[in-house]
């Protein structure tokens, strides 16, 4: 992280010595599949348990249903995230290979593109030309810059499909386990599971708010309302069509 001091920037002498600032990670990485997986597991299994519970089934059936939902959902989320990231990375590599071929066949045209790019950022024609020449002396750096500008990604900083899939699998499992816990410890009513789910939704939304800089209460309540809606709908369906006949 670059550090800005009063000696380096006379226009900002009001800043304290050693002043610096940091940005949150906006590239996704592990955060997106982890948060998405945990919330999805929590809401999915809570709604599943509520729907089956609304039909008046025995606690043992709810445990079986919740465990099946946990295992199936975790594998689905993990595999889906792994395949998604793998496909995205393969597409990027294919486009990088195409860009490398263009650099090998038309080096001057690619350098001219850099000149135009630097000029669009405000550099004068001579400065843009010199910058493009300097970058083009290093083919790897030139290829990386072209790829970042044209594709919007850094080919040397792609997400790990294995990490994304594993994070999604683990997070979904943890989220899906929470509404099931009361039954594993002997609870026989749906209320305990729903209360625990509501608290987890509030806490999870607050964590997301902390990470994104949004108000904690707003993020928590938003997550709670959305999860409660899913639970209410599935519980209502269970009440309507799940009651034993006769």
Protein backbone atom coordinates (compact mmCIF):
# COMPACT_ATOMS: atom_id res chain seq x y z
CA UNK A 1 0.00 0.00 0.00
CA UNK A 2 1.48 3.33 -1.03
CA UNK A 3 2.02 5.76 1.82
CA UNK A 4 1.39 9.49 1.42
CA UNK A 5 3.12 11.94 3.76
CA UNK A 6 3.23 15.71 4.06
CA UNK A 7 6.80 15.69 2.67
CA UNK A 8 5.69 13.74 -0.41
CA UNK A 9 2.63 15.87 -1.07
CA UNK A 10 3.05 19.55 -0.05
CA UNK A 11 -0.56 20.27 -1.02
CA UNK A 12 -1.76 17.96 1.74
CA UNK A 13 0.30 19.21 4.70
CA UNK A 14 -2.81 18.99 6.89
CA UNK A 15 -2.57 15.21 6.78
CA UNK A 16 -0.71 13.63 9.69
CA UNK A 17 2.68 12.05 9.08
CA UNK A 18 2.41 8.43 8.04
CA UNK A 19 -1.17 8.88 6.83
CA UNK A 20 -2.47 6.13 4.60
CA UNK A 21 -5.79 4.57 3.68
CA UNK A 22 -6.98 1.11 2.76
CA UNK A 23 -9.76 -0.17 0.53
CA UNK A 24 -11.98 -3.16 1.13
CA UNK A 25 -11.53 -6.19 -1.08
CA UNK A 26 -14.00 -5.70 -3.95
CA UNK A 27 -12.64 -8.45 -6.19
CA UNK A 28 -14.82 -11.17 -4.71
CA UNK A 29 -12.28 -13.89 -3.94
CA UNK A 30 -13.37 -16.00 -0.97
CA UNK A 31 -15.87 -13.44 0.35
CA UNK A 32 -18.63 -13.80 -2.21
CA UNK A 33 -18.95 -17.63 -2.20
CA UNK A 34 -18.59 -17.74 1.60
CA UNK A 35 -21.25 -15.14 2.35
CA UNK A 36 -23.56 -16.36 -0.39
CA UNK A 37 -23.12 -19.99 0.66
CA UNK A 38 -23.77 -19.34 4.36
CA UNK A 39 -26.88 -17.26 3.76
CA UNK A 40 -28.18 -19.66 1.14
CA UNK A 41 -27.66 -22.64 3.44
CA UNK A 42 -29.37 -20.90 6.33
CA UNK A 43 -32.40 -19.72 4.37
CA UNK A 44 -32.74 -22.86 2.26
CA UNK A 45 -32.68 -25.32 5.14
CA UNK A 46 -34.76 -23.12 7.45
CA UNK A 47 -37.41 -22.82 4.74
CA UNK A 48 -37.22 -26.55 4.00
CA UNK A 49 -37.63 -27.47 7.67
CA UNK A 50 -40.43 -24.94 8.07
CA UNK A 51 -42.26 -26.27 5.02
CA UNK A 52 -42.05 -29.89 6.16
CA UNK A 53 -42.75 -28.91 9.76
CA UNK A 54 -45.84 -27.02 8.64
CA UNK A 55 -47.19 -30.32 7.41
CA UNK A 56 -47.15 -31.71 10.93
CA UNK A 57 -44.47 -34.39 10.52
CA UNK A 58 -42.54 -35.96 13.38
CA UNK A 59 -39.25 -34.40 14.61
CA UNK A 60 -37.32 -37.44 13.33
CA UNK A 61 -38.60 -36.71 9.82
CA UNK A 62 -37.53 -33.07 10.18
CA UNK A 63 -34.01 -34.15 11.15
CA UNK A 64 -33.82 -36.48 8.16
CA UNK A 65 -35.13 -33.75 5.87
CA UNK A 66 -32.72 -31.16 7.24
CA UNK A 67 -29.70 -33.44 6.92
CA UNK A 68 -30.64 -34.39 3.38
CA UNK A 69 -31.07 -30.72 2.50
CA UNK A 70 -27.70 -29.87 4.07
CA UNK A 71 -25.76 -32.56 2.21
CA UNK A 72 -27.47 -32.07 -1.13
CA UNK A 73 -27.28 -28.30 -0.98
CA UNK A 74 -23.64 -28.22 0.12
CA UNK A 75 -22.52 -30.46 -2.74
CA UNK A 76 -24.65 -28.51 -5.21
CA UNK A 77 -23.28 -25.15 -4.07
CA UNK A 78 -19.67 -26.33 -3.92
CA UNK A 79 -19.76 -28.03 -7.31
CA UNK A 80 -21.64 -25.15 -8.90
CA UNK A 81 -19.17 -22.56 -7.62
CA UNK A 82 -16.19 -24.69 -8.67
CA UNK A 83 -17.53 -25.19 -12.19
CA UNK A 84 -18.51 -21.54 -12.51
CA UNK A 85 -15.09 -20.21 -11.51
CA UNK A 86 -13.30 -22.86 -13.59
CA UNK A 87 -15.29 -21.94 -16.70
CA UNK A 88 -14.67 -18.25 -16.12
CA UNK A 89 -10.92 -18.80 -15.71
CA UNK A 90 -10.79 -20.97 -18.82
CA UNK A 91 -12.53 -18.23 -20.79
CA UNK A 92 -10.03 -15.66 -19.53
CA UNK A 93 -7.09 -17.90 -20.46
CA UNK A 94 -8.51 -18.37 -23.95
CA UNK A 95 -8.88 -14.63 -24.43
CA UNK A 96 -5.38 -14.02 -23.08
CA UNK A 97 -4.03 -16.54 -25.59
CA UNK A 98 -5.83 -14.68 -28.37
CA UNK A 99 -4.40 -11.38 -27.16
CA UNK A 100 -0.90 -12.91 -27.05
CA UNK A 101 -1.30 -14.05 -30.66
CA UNK A 102 -2.30 -10.53 -31.71
CA UNK A 103 0.78 -9.15 -29.96
CA UNK A 104 3.01 -11.59 -31.82
CA UNK A 105 1.43 -10.91 -35.22
CA UNK A 106 0.69 -7.17 -34.96
CA UNK A 107 3.03 -5.62 -32.38
CA UNK A 108 2.85 -2.10 -33.78
CA UNK A 109 -0.94 -2.07 -33.90
CA UNK A 110 -1.07 -3.26 -30.30
CA UNK A 111 1.36 -0.55 -29.26
CA UNK A 112 -0.80 2.02 -31.05
CA UNK A 113 -3.73 0.82 -28.98
CA UNK A 114 -1.74 1.58 -25.85
CA UNK A 115 -0.99 5.07 -27.15
CA UNK A 116 -4.69 5.69 -27.65
CA UNK A 117 -5.47 4.27 -24.21
CA UNK A 118 -2.95 6.50 -22.43
CA UNK A 119 -4.14 9.51 -24.42
CA UNK A 120 -7.71 8.79 -23.32
CA UNK A 121 -6.49 9.06 -19.72
CA UNK A 122 -5.32 12.62 -20.38
CA UNK A 123 -1.69 12.17 -21.45
CA UNK A 124 -0.48 14.33 -24.34
CA UNK A 125 0.46 12.60 -27.57
CA UNK A 126 4.22 12.51 -26.93
CA UNK A 127 3.85 11.29 -23.35
CA UNK A 128 1.36 8.63 -24.42
CA UNK A 129 3.74 7.43 -27.14
CA UNK A 130 6.69 7.22 -24.76
CA UNK A 131 4.64 5.39 -22.13
CA UNK A 132 3.42 2.88 -24.72
CA UNK A 133 6.97 2.30 -25.93
CA UNK A 134 8.20 1.74 -22.38
CA UNK A 135 5.45 -0.76 -21.61
CA UNK A 136 5.89 -2.58 -24.92
CA UNK A 137 9.56 -3.31 -24.16
CA UNK A 138 8.33 -5.95 -21.71
CA UNK A 139 6.00 -8.29 -23.67
CA UNK A 140 4.61 -9.89 -20.53
CA UNK A 141 3.79 -6.54 -18.96
CA UNK A 142 2.27 -5.30 -22.22
CA UNK A 143 0.09 -8.39 -22.50
CA UNK A 144 -1.03 -8.04 -18.90
CA UNK A 145 -1.91 -4.38 -19.36
CA UNK A 146 -3.83 -5.03 -22.58
CA UNK A 147 -5.75 -7.85 -20.91
CA UNK A 148 -6.67 -5.74 -17.90
CA UNK A 149 -7.81 -2.88 -20.10
CA UNK A 150 -9.77 -4.94 -22.64
CA UNK A 151 -11.14 -7.75 -20.47
CA UNK A 152 -11.31 -6.00 -17.11
CA UNK A 153 -9.40 -8.81 -15.34
CA UNK A 154 -5.83 -9.47 -14.28
CA UNK A 155 -4.76 -12.84 -15.75
CA UNK A 156 -2.18 -13.20 -12.97
CA UNK A 157 -4.73 -12.70 -10.20
CA UNK A 158 -7.61 -15.03 -11.07
CA UNK A 159 -9.71 -16.61 -8.30
CA UNK A 160 -9.05 -20.20 -7.28
CA UNK A 161 -11.87 -22.51 -8.34
CA UNK A 162 -10.92 -24.98 -5.61
CA UNK A 163 -10.94 -22.28 -2.94
CA UNK A 164 -14.25 -20.85 -4.14
CA UNK A 165 -15.88 -24.28 -4.30
CA UNK A 166 -14.55 -25.33 -0.91
CA UNK A 167 -15.57 -22.06 0.73
CA UNK A 168 -19.07 -22.35 -0.73
CA UNK A 169 -19.39 -25.99 0.39
CA UNK A 170 -18.25 -25.27 3.94
CA UNK A 171 -20.28 -22.08 4.29
CA UNK A 172 -23.50 -23.68 3.03
CA UNK A 173 -23.01 -26.61 5.42
CA UNK A 174 -22.55 -24.27 8.38
CA UNK A 175 -25.53 -22.14 7.46
CA UNK A 176 -27.77 -25.16 6.83
CA UNK A 177 -26.76 -26.73 10.14
CA UNK A 178 -28.02 -23.85 12.30
CA UNK A 179 -31.81 -24.35 11.87
CA UNK A 180 -31.25 -28.08 12.37
CA UNK A 181 -29.32 -27.79 15.64
CA UNK A 182 -32.34 -27.50 18.00
CA UNK A 183 -33.72 -30.81 16.73
CA UNK A 184 -30.33 -32.50 17.07
CA UNK A 185 -30.33 -31.44 20.74
CA UNK A 186 -33.83 -32.75 21.39
CA UNK A 187 -36.15 -29.84 20.56
CA UNK A 188 -39.58 -30.89 19.32
CA UNK A 189 -41.09 -27.57 18.19
CA UNK A 190 -40.41 -25.46 15.13
CA UNK A 191 -40.33 -22.24 17.16
CA UNK A 192 -36.84 -22.81 18.57
CA UNK A 193 -35.41 -23.46 15.12
CA UNK A 194 -37.05 -20.35 13.67
CA UNK A 195 -35.83 -18.14 16.52
CA UNK A 196 -32.27 -19.38 16.05
CA UNK A 197 -32.58 -18.83 12.30
CA UNK A 198 -33.82 -15.28 12.82
CA UNK A 199 -30.92 -14.44 15.12
CA UNK A 200 -28.46 -15.95 12.65
CA UNK A 201 -29.97 -13.92 9.80
CA UNK A 202 -29.63 -10.72 11.82
CA UNK A 203 -26.04 -11.54 12.74
CA UNK A 204 -25.14 -12.59 9.20
CA UNK A 205 -26.61 -9.44 7.73
CA UNK A 206 -24.70 -7.39 10.29
CA UNK A 207 -21.43 -9.08 9.31
CA UNK A 208 -22.10 -8.32 5.66
CA UNK A 209 -22.85 -4.71 6.60
CA UNK A 210 -19.56 -4.51 8.48
CA UNK A 211 -17.64 -5.84 5.50
CA UNK A 212 -19.36 -3.57 2.98
CA UNK A 213 -19.53 -0.45 5.13
CA UNK A 214 -23.34 -0.39 5.24
CA UNK A 215 -25.30 0.29 8.47
CA UNK A 216 -25.27 -2.91 10.53
CA UNK A 217 -28.91 -2.74 11.60
CA UNK A 218 -30.13 -2.02 8.09
CA UNK A 219 -28.17 -4.94 6.64
CA UNK A 220 -29.29 -7.28 9.41
CA UNK A 221 -32.97 -6.39 9.12
CA UNK A 222 -32.88 -6.67 5.34
CA UNK A 223 -31.46 -10.17 5.60
CA UNK A 224 -34.01 -11.09 8.27
CA UNK A 225 -36.97 -9.87 6.20
CA UNK A 226 -35.88 -11.74 3.07
CA UNK A 227 -35.23 -14.95 4.99
CA UNK A 228 -38.49 -14.66 6.91
CA UNK A 229 -40.39 -14.27 3.65
CA UNK A 230 -38.94 -17.54 2.30
CA UNK A 231 -39.71 -19.35 5.56
CA UNK A 232 -43.26 -17.98 5.72
CA UNK A 233 -44.08 -19.02 2.16
CA UNK A 234 -42.80 -22.58 2.57
CA UNK A 235 -44.48 -22.94 5.97
CA UNK A 236 -47.76 -21.82 4.45
CA UNK A 237 -47.40 -24.37 1.66
CA UNK A 238 -46.73 -27.06 4.25
CA UNK A 239 -49.84 -26.05 6.17
CA UNK A 240 -52.00 -26.10 3.06
CA UNK A 241 -50.99 -29.36 1.43
CA UNK A 242 -48.86 -31.23 3.94
CA UNK A 243 -51.41 -32.22 6.57
CA UNK A 244 -52.07 -35.98 6.78
CA UNK A 245 -55.16 -37.09 4.88
CA UNK A 246 -57.93 -38.93 6.75
